[in-house]
Amino acid sequence: MNAELKTKIEQLIKSHKLFLFMKGTPDDPQCGFSWKVVDILRGLGAAFGSFDILSDEEMRQAVKEYSNWPTYPQLYVNGKLVGGCDIVTEMAETGELKKFWG
């Protein structure tokens, strides 16, 4: 991965306390897993940033390499990867996810 892509990824994940790399947008998720994570975050009242990885194939591949995580969505909290849909769902159910904001 080139330095420019790495810098762009780091700027994105640090732009919000919670940042989601997803398929589609929060208003129009393009897969069930992305829809579920957006639904969880909105249901908890969480403010979050997002990036549609379907809009940029180079970024899509670079984020996988950066995170060492092969699938989407990917949720970052305070600049660190938390995980994908299953992990976010579990953290929401246990109340652990809510501790990361407000």
Protein backbone atom coordinates (compact mmCIF):
# COMPACT_ATOMS: atom_id res chain seq x y z
CA MET A 1 0.00 0.00 0.00
CA ASN A 2 1.35 3.41 -0.83
CA ALA A 3 1.87 6.11 1.78
CA GLU A 4 -0.86 8.32 0.32
CA LEU A 5 -3.52 5.62 0.77
CA LYS A 6 -2.30 4.82 4.28
CA THR A 7 -2.50 8.50 5.22
CA LYS A 8 -6.02 8.78 3.75
CA ILE A 9 -7.20 5.74 5.73
CA GLU A 10 -5.68 7.08 8.96
CA GLN A 11 -7.26 10.50 8.43
CA LEU A 12 -10.65 8.90 7.88
CA ILE A 13 -10.56 6.65 10.95
CA LYS A 14 -9.40 9.52 13.14
CA SER A 15 -12.05 11.94 11.81
CA HIS A 16 -14.76 10.50 14.10
CA LYS A 17 -14.77 8.59 17.37
CA LEU A 18 -16.61 5.83 15.51
CA PHE A 19 -15.80 5.28 11.85
CA LEU A 20 -17.35 2.67 9.57
CA PHE A 21 -15.96 1.33 6.31
CA MET A 22 -19.04 -0.12 4.67
CA LYS A 23 -20.69 -1.17 1.43
CA GLY A 24 -22.89 1.77 0.48
CA THR A 25 -23.80 4.71 2.67
CA PRO A 26 -25.62 4.91 6.01
CA ASP A 27 -28.75 6.05 4.15
CA ASP A 28 -28.39 3.36 1.48
CA PRO A 29 -26.42 0.31 2.71
CA GLN A 30 -25.57 -2.12 -0.10
CA CYS A 31 -25.33 -5.32 1.95
CA GLY A 32 -27.14 -6.83 4.89
CA PHE A 33 -24.12 -6.71 7.18
CA SER A 34 -23.54 -3.01 6.55
CA TRP A 35 -27.26 -2.37 7.06
CA LYS A 36 -27.19 -4.21 10.39
CA VAL A 37 -24.19 -2.29 11.74
CA VAL A 38 -25.71 1.06 10.69
CA ASP A 39 -28.98 0.03 12.33
CA ILE A 40 -27.17 -0.87 15.57
CA LEU A 41 -25.20 2.40 15.64
CA ARG A 42 -28.27 4.51 14.90
CA GLY A 43 -30.33 2.56 17.42
CA LEU A 44 -27.78 3.40 20.09
CA GLY A 45 -27.75 7.07 19.06
CA ALA A 46 -24.09 6.91 18.02
CA ALA A 47 -22.62 9.58 15.77
CA PHE A 48 -20.23 8.02 13.26
CA GLY A 49 -18.39 8.71 10.04
CA SER A 50 -18.40 6.35 7.10
CA PHE A 51 -16.77 5.58 3.79
CA ASP A 52 -18.39 3.67 0.94
CA ILE A 53 -15.75 1.15 -0.10
CA LEU A 54 -17.76 0.33 -3.24
CA SER A 55 -16.99 3.82 -4.52
CA ASP A 56 -13.22 3.25 -4.69
CA GLU A 57 -11.70 -0.15 -5.49
CA GLU A 58 -8.18 0.98 -4.59
CA MET A 59 -9.35 2.08 -1.12
CA ARG A 60 -11.38 -1.12 -0.75
CA GLN A 61 -8.25 -3.23 -1.14
CA ALA A 62 -6.04 -0.86 0.86
CA VAL A 63 -8.35 -0.89 3.89
CA LYS A 64 -8.34 -4.70 3.92
CA GLU A 65 -4.55 -4.63 3.94
CA TYR A 66 -4.36 -1.82 6.53
CA SER A 67 -6.73 -3.54 8.94
CA ASN A 68 -5.67 -7.10 8.17
CA TRP A 69 -9.42 -7.81 8.05
CA PRO A 70 -10.81 -9.40 4.86
CA THR A 71 -14.47 -8.39 4.98
CA TYR A 72 -16.76 -5.39 5.32
CA PRO A 73 -18.14 -3.61 7.22
CA GLN A 74 -15.26 -2.64 9.51
CA LEU A 75 -15.89 -0.45 12.56
CA TYR A 76 -13.08 1.61 14.06
CA VAL A 77 -13.38 3.16 17.52
CA ASN A 78 -10.90 5.83 18.57
CA GLY A 79 -8.73 4.95 15.57
CA LYS A 80 -8.57 1.21 16.33
CA LEU A 81 -10.34 -1.62 14.53
CA VAL A 82 -13.10 -3.19 16.62
CA GLY A 83 -14.28 -5.64 13.97
CA GLY A 84 -17.14 -6.48 11.67
CA CYS A 85 -20.84 -7.16 11.96
CA ASP A 86 -20.70 -10.14 14.36
CA ILE A 87 -18.39 -8.37 16.80
CA VAL A 88 -20.37 -5.11 16.66
CA THR A 89 -23.62 -7.03 17.23
CA GLU A 90 -22.16 -8.84 20.24
CA MET A 91 -20.75 -5.62 21.69
CA ALA A 92 -24.13 -3.91 21.28
CA GLU A 93 -25.93 -6.80 23.01
CA THR A 94 -23.56 -6.74 25.98
CA GLY A 95 -23.64 -2.93 26.26
CA GLU A 96 -19.90 -2.71 25.61
CA LEU A 97 -20.33 -0.65 22.43
CA LYS A 98 -22.25 2.13 24.16
CA LYS A 99 -19.30 2.99 26.41
CA PHE A 100 -17.37 4.44 23.46
CA TRP A 101 -19.31 7.70 23.20
CA GLY A 102 -21.36 10.34 25.03
